[in-house]
Amino acid sequence: DQREKDKVIVTQYQKWIRVPFYRVQDDKNEITEMDAKEFNKMK
C-alpha cells in the first residue's frame, strides 16, 4: 500500500442484520409495529 506516515485509514462498514418485531392489530383494525422489548412490556 505504501501508506504515507501522516495518513489514517478509516473503514466505513455497512451491514444488515435480521431483527424480530411484532405487528399488532387492535379492535379498530389499525396495525401498530413494535420491537421485541416494547412488545414484551405490552404483551
ModelCIF file with pLDDT and N, C-alpha, C, O atoms, coordinates in Angstrom:
data_MODEL
#
_entry.id   MODEL 
#
_entity.id                         1 
_entity.type                       polymer 
_entity.pdbx_number_of_molecules   1 
#
_entity_poly.entity_id                      1 
_entity_poly.type                           'polypeptide(L)' 
_entity_poly.nstd_linkage                   no 
_entity_poly.nstd_monomer                   no 
_entity_poly.pdbx_seq_one_letter_code       DQREKDKVIVTQYQKWIRVPFYRVQDDKNEITEMDAKEFNKMK 
_entity_poly.pdbx_seq_one_letter_code_can   DQREKDKVIVTQYQKWIRVPFYRVQDDKNEITEMDAKEFNKMK 
_entity_poly.pdbx_strand_id                 A 
#
loop_
_entity_poly_seq.entity_id 
_entity_poly_seq.num 
_entity_poly_seq.mon_id 
_entity_poly_seq.hetero 
1 1  ASP n 
1 2  GLN n 
1 3  ARG n 
1 4  GLU n 
1 5  LYS n 
1 6  ASP n 
1 7  LYS n 
1 8  VAL n 
1 9  ILE n 
1 10 VAL n 
1 11 THR n 
1 12 GLN n 
1 13 TYR n 
1 14 GLN n 
1 15 LYS n 
1 16 TRP n 
1 17 ILE n 
1 18 ARG n 
1 19 VAL n 
1 20 PRO n 
1 21 PHE n 
1 22 TYR n 
1 23 ARG n 
1 24 VAL n 
1 25 GLN n 
1 26 ASP n 
1 27 ASP n 
1 28 LYS n 
1 29 ASN n 
1 30 GLU n 
1 31 ILE n 
1 32 THR n 
1 33 GLU n 
1 34 MET n 
1 35 ASP n 
1 36 ALA n 
1 37 LYS n 
1 38 GLU n 
1 39 PHE n 
1 40 ASN n 
1 41 LYS n 
1 42 MET n 
1 43 LYS n 
#
_struct_asym.id          A 
_struct_asym.entity_id   1 
#
loop_
_ma_qa_metric.id 
_ma_qa_metric.mode 
_ma_qa_metric.name 
_ma_qa_metric.software_group_id 
_ma_qa_metric.type 
1 global pLDDT . pLDDT 
2 local  pLDDT . pLDDT 
#
_ma_qa_metric_global.metric_id      1 
_ma_qa_metric_global.metric_value   85.81 
_ma_qa_metric_global.model_id       1 
_ma_qa_metric_global.ordinal_id     1 
#
loop_
_ma_qa_metric_local.label_asym_id 
_ma_qa_metric_local.label_comp_id 
_ma_qa_metric_local.label_seq_id 
_ma_qa_metric_local.metric_id 
_ma_qa_metric_local.metric_value 
_ma_qa_metric_local.model_id 
_ma_qa_metric_local.ordinal_id 
A ASP 1  2 46.00 1 1  
A GLN 2  2 45.00 1 2  
A ARG 3  2 47.00 1 3  
A GLU 4  2 56.00 1 4  
A LYS 5  2 68.00 1 5  
A ASP 6  2 79.00 1 6  
A LYS 7  2 86.00 1 7  
A VAL 8  2 90.00 1 8  
A ILE 9  2 92.00 1 9  
A VAL 10 2 94.00 1 10 
A THR 11 2 95.00 1 11 
A GLN 12 2 96.00 1 12 
A TYR 13 2 97.00 1 13 
A GLN 14 2 96.00 1 14 
A LYS 15 2 95.00 1 15 
A TRP 16 2 94.00 1 16 
A ILE 17 2 93.00 1 17 
A ARG 18 2 92.00 1 18 
A VAL 19 2 91.00 1 19 
A PRO 20 2 92.00 1 20 
A PHE 21 2 92.00 1 21 
A TYR 22 2 93.00 1 22 
A ARG 23 2 93.00 1 23 
A VAL 24 2 92.00 1 24 
A GLN 25 2 90.00 1 25 
A ASP 26 2 85.00 1 26 
A ASP 27 2 80.00 1 27 
A LYS 28 2 83.00 1 28 
A ASN 29 2 85.00 1 29 
A GLU 30 2 88.00 1 30 
A ILE 31 2 90.00 1 31 
A THR 32 2 89.00 1 32 
A GLU 33 2 90.00 1 33 
A MET 34 2 90.00 1 34 
A ASP 35 2 89.00 1 35 
A ALA 36 2 89.00 1 36 
A LYS 37 2 90.00 1 37 
A GLU 38 2 90.00 1 38 
A PHE 39 2 90.00 1 39 
A ASN 40 2 90.00 1 40 
A LYS 41 2 90.00 1 41 
A MET 42 2 89.00 1 42 
A LYS 43 2 89.00 1 43 
#
loop_
_atom_site.group_PDB 
_atom_site.id 
_atom_site.type_symbol 
_atom_site.label_atom_id 
_atom_site.label_alt_id 
_atom_site.label_comp_id 
_atom_site.label_asym_id 
_atom_site.label_entity_id 
_atom_site.label_seq_id 
_atom_site.pdbx_PDB_ins_code 
_atom_site.Cartn_x 
_atom_site.Cartn_y 
_atom_site.Cartn_z 
_atom_site.occupancy 
_atom_site.B_iso_or_equiv 
_atom_site.pdbx_formal_charge 
_atom_site.auth_seq_id 
_atom_site.auth_comp_id 
_atom_site.auth_asym_id 
_atom_site.auth_atom_id 
_atom_site.pdbx_PDB_model_num 
ATOM 1   N N  . ASP A 1 1  ? 0.799   -1.219 0.000  1.00 46.00 ? 1  ASP A N  1 
ATOM 2   C CA . ASP A 1 1  ? 0.000   0.000  0.000  1.00 46.00 ? 1  ASP A CA 1 
ATOM 3   C C  . ASP A 1 1  ? 0.837   1.278  0.000  1.00 46.00 ? 1  ASP A C  1 
ATOM 4   O O  . ASP A 1 1  ? 0.375   2.323  -0.456 1.00 46.00 ? 1  ASP A O  1 
ATOM 5   N N  . GLN A 1 2  ? 2.080   1.195  0.516  1.00 45.00 ? 2  GLN A N  1 
ATOM 6   C CA . GLN A 1 2  ? 2.957   2.363  0.558  1.00 45.00 ? 2  GLN A CA 1 
ATOM 7   C C  . GLN A 1 2  ? 2.242   3.561  1.190  1.00 45.00 ? 2  GLN A C  1 
ATOM 8   O O  . GLN A 1 2  ? 2.233   4.663  0.642  1.00 45.00 ? 2  GLN A O  1 
ATOM 9   N N  . ARG A 1 3  ? 1.648   3.313  2.349  1.00 47.00 ? 3  ARG A N  1 
ATOM 10  C CA . ARG A 1 3  ? 0.930   4.394  3.021  1.00 47.00 ? 3  ARG A CA 1 
ATOM 11  C C  . ARG A 1 3  ? 1.914   5.445  3.527  1.00 47.00 ? 3  ARG A C  1 
ATOM 12  O O  . ARG A 1 3  ? 3.001   5.124  4.008  1.00 47.00 ? 3  ARG A O  1 
ATOM 13  N N  . GLU A 1 4  ? 1.513   6.689  3.407  1.00 56.00 ? 4  GLU A N  1 
ATOM 14  C CA . GLU A 1 4  ? 2.344   7.745  3.958  1.00 56.00 ? 4  GLU A CA 1 
ATOM 15  C C  . GLU A 1 4  ? 2.146   7.810  5.465  1.00 56.00 ? 4  GLU A C  1 
ATOM 16  O O  . GLU A 1 4  ? 1.093   7.437  5.983  1.00 56.00 ? 4  GLU A O  1 
ATOM 17  N N  . LYS A 1 5  ? 3.165   8.285  6.156  1.00 68.00 ? 5  LYS A N  1 
ATOM 18  C CA . LYS A 1 5  ? 3.148   8.229  7.610  1.00 68.00 ? 5  LYS A CA 1 
ATOM 19  C C  . LYS A 1 5  ? 2.129   9.181  8.239  1.00 68.00 ? 5  LYS A C  1 
ATOM 20  O O  . LYS A 1 5  ? 1.743   8.999  9.393  1.00 68.00 ? 5  LYS A O  1 
ATOM 21  N N  . ASP A 1 6  ? 1.700   10.182 7.498  1.00 79.00 ? 6  ASP A N  1 
ATOM 22  C CA . ASP A 1 6  ? 0.737   11.129 8.082  1.00 79.00 ? 6  ASP A CA 1 
ATOM 23  C C  . ASP A 1 6  ? -0.689  10.791 7.698  1.00 79.00 ? 6  ASP A C  1 
ATOM 24  O O  . ASP A 1 6  ? -1.564  11.654 7.753  1.00 79.00 ? 6  ASP A O  1 
ATOM 25  N N  . LYS A 1 7  ? -0.939  9.549  7.310  1.00 86.00 ? 7  LYS A N  1 
ATOM 26  C CA . LYS A 1 7  ? -2.266  9.150  6.863  1.00 86.00 ? 7  LYS A CA 1 
ATOM 27  C C  . LYS A 1 7  ? -2.945  8.244  7.892  1.00 86.00 ? 7  LYS A C  1 
ATOM 28  O O  . LYS A 1 7  ? -2.288  7.524  8.645  1.00 86.00 ? 7  LYS A O  1 
ATOM 29  N N  . VAL A 1 8  ? -4.262  8.301  7.901  1.00 90.00 ? 8  VAL A N  1 
ATOM 30  C CA . VAL A 1 8  ? -5.075  7.444  8.748  1.00 90.00 ? 8  VAL A CA 1 
ATOM 31  C C  . VAL A 1 8  ? -6.091  6.731  7.854  1.00 90.00 ? 8  VAL A C  1 
ATOM 32  O O  . VAL A 1 8  ? -6.762  7.369  7.042  1.00 90.00 ? 8  VAL A O  1 
ATOM 33  N N  . ILE A 1 9  ? -6.203  5.420  8.002  1.00 92.00 ? 9  ILE A N  1 
ATOM 34  C CA . ILE A 1 9  ? -7.165  4.649  7.231  1.00 92.00 ? 9  ILE A CA 1 
ATOM 35  C C  . ILE A 1 9  ? -8.431  4.479  8.064  1.00 92.00 ? 9  ILE A C  1 
ATOM 36  O O  . ILE A 1 9  ? -8.388  3.931  9.166  1.00 92.00 ? 9  ILE A O  1 
ATOM 37  N N  . VAL A 1 10 ? -9.550  4.948  7.535  1.00 94.00 ? 10 VAL A N  1 
ATOM 38  C CA . VAL A 1 10 ? -10.840 4.827  8.209  1.00 94.00 ? 10 VAL A CA 1 
ATOM 39  C C  . VAL A 1 10 ? -11.706 3.853  7.411  1.00 94.00 ? 10 VAL A C  1 
ATOM 40  O O  . VAL A 1 10 ? -11.905 4.025  6.209  1.00 94.00 ? 10 VAL A O  1 
ATOM 41  N N  . THR A 1 11 ? -12.210 2.846  8.084  1.00 95.00 ? 11 THR A N  1 
ATOM 42  C CA . THR A 1 11 ? -13.071 1.853  7.448  1.00 95.00 ? 11 THR A CA 1 
ATOM 43  C C  . THR A 1 11 ? -14.523 2.195  7.704  1.00 95.00 ? 11 THR A C  1 
ATOM 44  O O  . THR A 1 11 ? -14.963 2.280  8.851  1.00 95.00 ? 11 THR A O  1 
ATOM 45  N N  . GLN A 1 12 ? -15.258 2.390  6.633  1.00 96.00 ? 12 GLN A N  1 
ATOM 46  C CA . GLN A 1 12 ? -16.706 2.592  6.698  1.00 96.00 ? 12 GLN A CA 1 
ATOM 47  C C  . GLN A 1 12 ? -17.359 1.246  6.389  1.00 96.00 ? 12 GLN A C  1 
ATOM 48  O O  . GLN A 1 12 ? -17.261 0.741  5.271  1.00 96.00 ? 12 GLN A O  1 
ATOM 49  N N  . TYR A 1 13 ? -18.020 0.675  7.382  1.00 97.00 ? 13 TYR A N  1 
ATOM 50  C CA . TYR A 1 13 ? -18.534 -0.695 7.293  1.00 97.00 ? 13 TYR A CA 1 
ATOM 51  C C  . TYR A 1 13 ? -20.048 -0.671 7.420  1.00 97.00 ? 13 TYR A C  1 
ATOM 52  O O  . TYR A 1 13 ? -20.590 -0.152 8.396  1.00 97.00 ? 13 TYR A O  1 
ATOM 53  N N  . GLN A 1 14 ? -20.726 -1.236 6.432  1.00 96.00 ? 14 GLN A N  1 
ATOM 54  C CA . GLN A 1 14 ? -22.183 -1.300 6.457  1.00 96.00 ? 14 GLN A CA 1 
ATOM 55  C C  . GLN A 1 14 ? -22.629 -2.753 6.338  1.00 96.00 ? 14 GLN A C  1 
ATOM 56  O O  . GLN A 1 14 ? -22.064 -3.521 5.559  1.00 96.00 ? 14 GLN A O  1 
ATOM 57  N N  . LYS A 1 15 ? -23.634 -3.122 7.107  1.00 95.00 ? 15 LYS A N  1 
ATOM 58  C CA . LYS A 1 15 ? -24.144 -4.495 7.083  1.00 95.00 ? 15 LYS A CA 1 
ATOM 59  C C  . LYS A 1 15 ? -25.630 -4.463 7.418  1.00 95.00 ? 15 LYS A C  1 
ATOM 60  O O  . LYS A 1 15 ? -26.155 -3.453 7.886  1.00 95.00 ? 15 LYS A O  1 
ATOM 61  N N  . TRP A 1 16 ? -26.291 -5.580 7.170  1.00 94.00 ? 16 TRP A N  1 
ATOM 62  C CA . TRP A 1 16 ? -27.670 -5.711 7.620  1.00 94.00 ? 16 TRP A CA 1 
ATOM 63  C C  . TRP A 1 16 ? -27.783 -6.898 8.571  1.00 94.00 ? 16 TRP A C  1 
ATOM 64  O O  . TRP A 1 16 ? -27.047 -7.880 8.465  1.00 94.00 ? 16 TRP A O  1 
ATOM 65  N N  . ILE A 1 17 ? -28.723 -6.777 9.498  1.00 93.00 ? 17 ILE A N  1 
ATOM 66  C CA . ILE A 1 17 ? -28.991 -7.838 10.459 1.00 93.00 ? 17 ILE A CA 1 
ATOM 67  C C  . ILE A 1 17 ? -30.488 -8.115 10.456 1.00 93.00 ? 17 ILE A C  1 
ATOM 68  O O  . ILE A 1 17 ? -31.288 -7.253 10.092 1.00 93.00 ? 17 ILE A O  1 
ATOM 69  N N  . ARG A 1 18 ? -30.850 -9.303 10.857 1.00 92.00 ? 18 ARG A N  1 
ATOM 70  C CA . ARG A 1 18 ? -32.266 -9.675 10.973 1.00 92.00 ? 18 ARG A CA 1 
ATOM 71  C C  . ARG A 1 18 ? -32.750 -9.357 12.392 1.00 92.00 ? 18 ARG A C  1 
ATOM 72  O O  . ARG A 1 18 ? -32.170 -9.820 13.375 1.00 92.00 ? 18 ARG A O  1 
ATOM 73  N N  . VAL A 1 19 ? -33.787 -8.586 12.479 1.00 91.00 ? 19 VAL A N  1 
ATOM 74  C CA . VAL A 1 19 ? -34.313 -8.151 13.777 1.00 91.00 ? 19 VAL A CA 1 
ATOM 75  C C  . VAL A 1 19 ? -35.795 -8.533 13.864 1.00 91.00 ? 19 VAL A C  1 
ATOM 76  O O  . VAL A 1 19 ? -36.569 -8.197 12.968 1.00 91.00 ? 19 VAL A O  1 
ATOM 77  N N  . PRO A 1 20 ? -36.193 -9.225 14.925 1.00 92.00 ? 20 PRO A N  1 
ATOM 78  C CA . PRO A 1 20 ? -37.619 -9.567 15.088 1.00 92.00 ? 20 PRO A CA 1 
ATOM 79  C C  . PRO A 1 20 ? -38.421 -8.348 15.523 1.00 92.00 ? 20 PRO A C  1 
ATOM 80  O O  . PRO A 1 20 ? -37.928 -7.490 16.256 1.00 92.00 ? 20 PRO A O  1 
ATOM 81  N N  . PHE A 1 21 ? -39.658 -8.287 15.061 1.00 92.00 ? 21 PHE A N  1 
ATOM 82  C CA . PHE A 1 21 ? -40.579 -7.236 15.507 1.00 92.00 ? 21 PHE A CA 1 
ATOM 83  C C  . PHE A 1 21 ? -41.997 -7.810 15.465 1.00 92.00 ? 21 PHE A C  1 
ATOM 84  O O  . PHE A 1 21 ? -42.225 -8.888 14.916 1.00 92.00 ? 21 PHE A O  1 
ATOM 85  N N  . TYR A 1 22 ? -42.923 -7.091 16.040 1.00 93.00 ? 22 TYR A N  1 
ATOM 86  C CA . TYR A 1 22 ? -44.305 -7.564 16.141 1.00 93.00 ? 22 TYR A CA 1 
ATOM 87  C C  . TYR A 1 22 ? -45.243 -6.561 15.475 1.00 93.00 ? 22 TYR A C  1 
ATOM 88  O O  . TYR A 1 22 ? -45.052 -5.348 15.569 1.00 93.00 ? 22 TYR A O  1 
ATOM 89  N N  . ARG A 1 23 ? -46.255 -7.094 14.805 1.00 93.00 ? 23 ARG A N  1 
ATOM 90  C CA . ARG A 1 23 ? -47.333 -6.280 14.241 1.00 93.00 ? 23 ARG A CA 1 
ATOM 91  C C  . ARG A 1 23 ? -48.604 -6.621 15.015 1.00 93.00 ? 23 ARG A C  1 
ATOM 92  O O  . ARG A 1 23 ? -49.026 -7.775 15.082 1.00 93.00 ? 23 ARG A O  1 
ATOM 93  N N  . VAL A 1 24 ? -49.191 -5.595 15.590 1.00 92.00 ? 24 VAL A N  1 
ATOM 94  C CA . VAL A 1 24 ? -50.354 -5.773 16.460 1.00 92.00 ? 24 VAL A CA 1 
ATOM 95  C C  . VAL A 1 24 ? -51.551 -5.076 15.817 1.00 92.00 ? 24 VAL A C  1 
ATOM 96  O O  . VAL A 1 24 ? -51.474 -3.924 15.391 1.00 92.00 ? 24 VAL A O  1 
ATOM 97  N N  . GLN A 1 25 ? -52.668 -5.823 15.762 1.00 90.00 ? 25 GLN A N  1 
ATOM 98  C CA . GLN A 1 25 ? -53.920 -5.286 15.214 1.00 90.00 ? 25 GLN A CA 1 
ATOM 99  C C  . GLN A 1 25 ? -54.920 -5.080 16.351 1.00 90.00 ? 25 GLN A C  1 
ATOM 100 O O  . GLN A 1 25 ? -55.263 -6.019 17.070 1.00 90.00 ? 25 GLN A O  1 
ATOM 101 N N  . ASP A 1 26 ? -55.384 -3.836 16.502 1.00 85.00 ? 26 ASP A N  1 
ATOM 102 C CA . ASP A 1 26 ? -56.330 -3.553 17.586 1.00 85.00 ? 26 ASP A CA 1 
ATOM 103 C C  . ASP A 1 26 ? -57.765 -3.782 17.114 1.00 85.00 ? 26 ASP A C  1 
ATOM 104 O O  . ASP A 1 26 ? -57.999 -4.251 16.000 1.00 85.00 ? 26 ASP A O  1 
ATOM 105 N N  . ASP A 1 27 ? -58.730 -3.440 17.990 1.00 80.00 ? 27 ASP A N  1 
ATOM 106 C CA . ASP A 1 27 ? -60.139 -3.700 17.663 1.00 80.00 ? 27 ASP A CA 1 
ATOM 107 C C  . ASP A 1 27 ? -60.675 -2.782 16.576 1.00 80.00 ? 27 ASP A C  1 
ATOM 108 O O  . ASP A 1 27 ? -61.784 -2.998 16.088 1.00 80.00 ? 27 ASP A O  1 
ATOM 109 N N  . LYS A 1 28 ? -59.908 -1.752 16.178 1.00 83.00 ? 28 LYS A N  1 
ATOM 110 C CA . LYS A 1 28 ? -60.307 -0.864 15.085 1.00 83.00 ? 28 LYS A CA 1 
ATOM 111 C C  . LYS A 1 28 ? -59.609 -1.231 13.777 1.00 83.00 ? 28 LYS A C  1 
ATOM 112 O O  . LYS A 1 28 ? -59.652 -0.485 12.799 1.00 83.00 ? 28 LYS A O  1 
ATOM 113 N N  . ASN A 1 29 ? -58.973 -2.385 13.786 1.00 85.00 ? 29 ASN A N  1 
ATOM 114 C CA . ASN A 1 29 ? -58.241 -2.884 12.610 1.00 85.00 ? 29 ASN A CA 1 
ATOM 115 C C  . ASN A 1 29 ? -57.014 -2.038 12.263 1.00 85.00 ? 29 ASN A C  1 
ATOM 116 O O  . ASN A 1 29 ? -56.489 -2.147 11.155 1.00 85.00 ? 29 ASN A O  1 
ATOM 117 N N  . GLU A 1 30 ? -56.558 -1.212 13.175 1.00 88.00 ? 30 GLU A N  1 
ATOM 118 C CA . GLU A 1 30 ? -55.330 -0.458 12.963 1.00 88.00 ? 30 GLU A CA 1 
ATOM 119 C C  . GLU A 1 30 ? -54.129 -1.324 13.356 1.00 88.00 ? 30 GLU A C  1 
ATOM 120 O O  . GLU A 1 30 ? -54.172 -2.042 14.355 1.00 88.00 ? 30 GLU A O  1 
ATOM 121 N N  . ILE A 1 31 ? -53.086 -1.250 12.580 1.00 90.00 ? 31 ILE A N  1 
ATOM 122 C CA . ILE A 1 31 ? -51.901 -2.088 12.799 1.00 90.00 ? 31 ILE A CA 1 
ATOM 123 C C  . ILE A 1 31 ? -50.763 -1.228 13.319 1.00 90.00 ? 31 ILE A C  1 
ATOM 124 O O  . ILE A 1 31 ? -50.439 -0.190 12.743 1.00 90.00 ? 31 ILE A O  1 
ATOM 125 N N  . THR A 1 32 ? -50.164 -1.670 14.412 1.00 89.00 ? 32 THR A N  1 
ATOM 126 C CA . THR A 1 32 ? -49.025 -0.984 15.026 1.00 89.00 ? 32 THR A CA 1 
ATOM 127 C C  . THR A 1 32 ? -47.831 -1.923 15.066 1.00 89.00 ? 32 THR A C  1 
ATOM 128 O O  . THR A 1 32 ? -47.964 -3.105 15.384 1.00 89.00 ? 32 THR A O  1 
ATOM 129 N N  . GLU A 1 33 ? -46.651 -1.377 14.736 1.00 90.00 ? 33 GLU A N  1 
ATOM 130 C CA . GLU A 1 33 ? -45.423 -2.167 14.790 1.00 90.00 ? 33 GLU A CA 1 
ATOM 131 C C  . GLU A 1 33 ? -44.695 -1.878 16.094 1.00 90.00 ? 33 GLU A C  1 
ATOM 132 O O  . GLU A 1 33 ? -44.615 -0.731 16.533 1.00 90.00 ? 33 GLU A O  1 
ATOM 133 N N  . MET A 1 34 ? -44.161 -2.940 16.713 1.00 90.00 ? 34 MET A N  1 
ATOM 134 C CA . MET A 1 34 ? -43.413 -2.816 17.965 1.00 90.00 ? 34 MET A CA 1 
ATOM 135 C C  . MET A 1 34 ? -42.153 -3.669 17.890 1.00 90.00 ? 34 MET A C  1 
ATOM 136 O O  . MET A 1 34 ? -42.157 -4.751 17.303 1.00 90.00 ? 34 MET A O  1 
ATOM 137 N N  . ASP A 1 35 ? -41.065 -3.166 18.496 1.00 89.00 ? 35 ASP A N  1 
ATOM 138 C CA . ASP A 1 35 ? -39.886 -4.012 18.610 1.00 89.00 ? 35 ASP A CA 1 
ATOM 139 C C  . ASP A 1 35 ? -40.098 -5.010 19.751 1.00 89.00 ? 35 ASP A C  1 
ATOM 140 O O  . ASP A 1 35 ? -41.093 -4.930 20.472 1.00 89.00 ? 35 ASP A O  1 
ATOM 141 N N  . ALA A 1 36 ? -39.161 -5.947 19.913 1.00 89.00 ? 36 ALA A N  1 
ATOM 142 C CA . ALA A 1 36 ? -39.349 -7.037 20.864 1.00 89.00 ? 36 ALA A CA 1 
ATOM 143 C C  . ALA A 1 36 ? -39.448 -6.521 22.306 1.00 89.00 ? 36 ALA A C  1 
ATOM 144 O O  . ALA A 1 36 ? -40.273 -7.006 23.079 1.00 89.00 ? 36 ALA A O  1 
ATOM 145 N N  . LYS A 1 37 ? -38.620 -5.552 22.665 1.00 90.00 ? 37 LYS A N  1 
ATOM 146 C CA . LYS A 1 37 ? -38.634 -5.042 24.033 1.00 90.00 ? 37 LYS A CA 1 
ATOM 147 C C  . LYS A 1 37 ? -39.963 -4.344 24.349 1.00 90.00 ? 37 LYS A C  1 
ATOM 148 O O  . LYS A 1 37 ? -40.555 -4.539 25.411 1.00 90.00 ? 37 LYS A O  1 
ATOM 149 N N  . GLU A 1 38 ? -40.408 -3.529 23.393 1.00 90.00 ? 38 GLU A N  1 
ATOM 150 C CA . GLU A 1 38 ? -41.671 -2.820 23.609 1.00 90.00 ? 38 GLU A CA 1 
ATOM 151 C C  . GLU A 1 38 ? -42.828 -3.806 23.680 1.00 90.00 ? 38 GLU A C  1 
ATOM 152 O O  . GLU A 1 38 ? -43.739 -3.643 24.492 1.00 90.00 ? 38 GLU A O  1 
ATOM 153 N N  . PHE A 1 39 ? -42.794 -4.839 22.820 1.00 90.00 ? 39 PHE A N  1 
ATOM 154 C CA . PHE A 1 39 ? -43.891 -5.808 22.816 1.00 90.00 ? 39 PHE A CA 1 
ATOM 155 C C  . PHE A 1 39 ? -43.942 -6.587 24.129 1.00 90.00 ? 39 PHE A C  1 
ATOM 156 O O  . PHE A 1 39 ? -45.023 -6.829 24.665 1.00 90.00 ? 39 PHE A O  1 
ATOM 157 N N  . ASN A 1 40 ? -42.787 -6.978 24.646 1.00 90.00 ? 40 ASN A N  1 
ATOM 158 C CA . ASN A 1 40 ? -42.758 -7.752 25.887 1.00 90.00 ? 40 ASN A CA 1 
ATOM 159 C C  . ASN A 1 40 ? -43.336 -6.958 27.060 1.00 90.00 ? 40 ASN A C  1 
ATOM 160 O O  . ASN A 1 40 ? -43.935 -7.534 27.968 1.00 90.00 ? 40 ASN A O  1 
ATOM 161 N N  . LYS A 1 41 ? -43.154 -5.634 27.037 1.00 90.00 ? 41 LYS A N  1 
ATOM 162 C CA . LYS A 1 41 ? -43.724 -4.797 28.094 1.00 90.00 ? 41 LYS A CA 1 
ATOM 163 C C  . LYS A 1 41 ? -45.248 -4.689 27.973 1.00 90.00 ? 41 LYS A C  1 
ATOM 164 O O  . LYS A 1 41 ? -45.960 -4.560 28.969 1.00 90.00 ? 41 LYS A O  1 
ATOM 165 N N  . MET A 1 42 ? -45.720 -4.744 26.737 1.00 89.00 ? 42 MET A N  1 
ATOM 166 C CA . MET A 1 42 ? -47.149 -4.544 26.484 1.00 89.00 ? 42 MET A CA 1 
ATOM 167 C C  . MET A 1 42 ? -47.905 -5.853 26.262 1.00 89.00 ? 42 MET A C  1 
ATOM 168 O O  . MET A 1 42 ? -49.113 -5.831 26.027 1.00 89.00 ? 42 MET A O  1 
ATOM 169 N N  . LYS A 1 43 ? -47.225 -6.973 26.332 1.00 89.00 ? 43 LYS A N  1 
ATOM 170 C CA . LYS A 1 43 ? -47.840 -8.243 25.917 1.00 89.00 ? 43 LYS A CA 1 
ATOM 171 C C  . LYS A 1 43 ? -49.078 -8.583 26.747 1.00 89.00 ? 43 LYS A C  1 
ATOM 172 O O  . LYS A 1 43 ? -49.707 -9.617 26.521 1.00 89.00 ? 43 LYS A O  1 
#
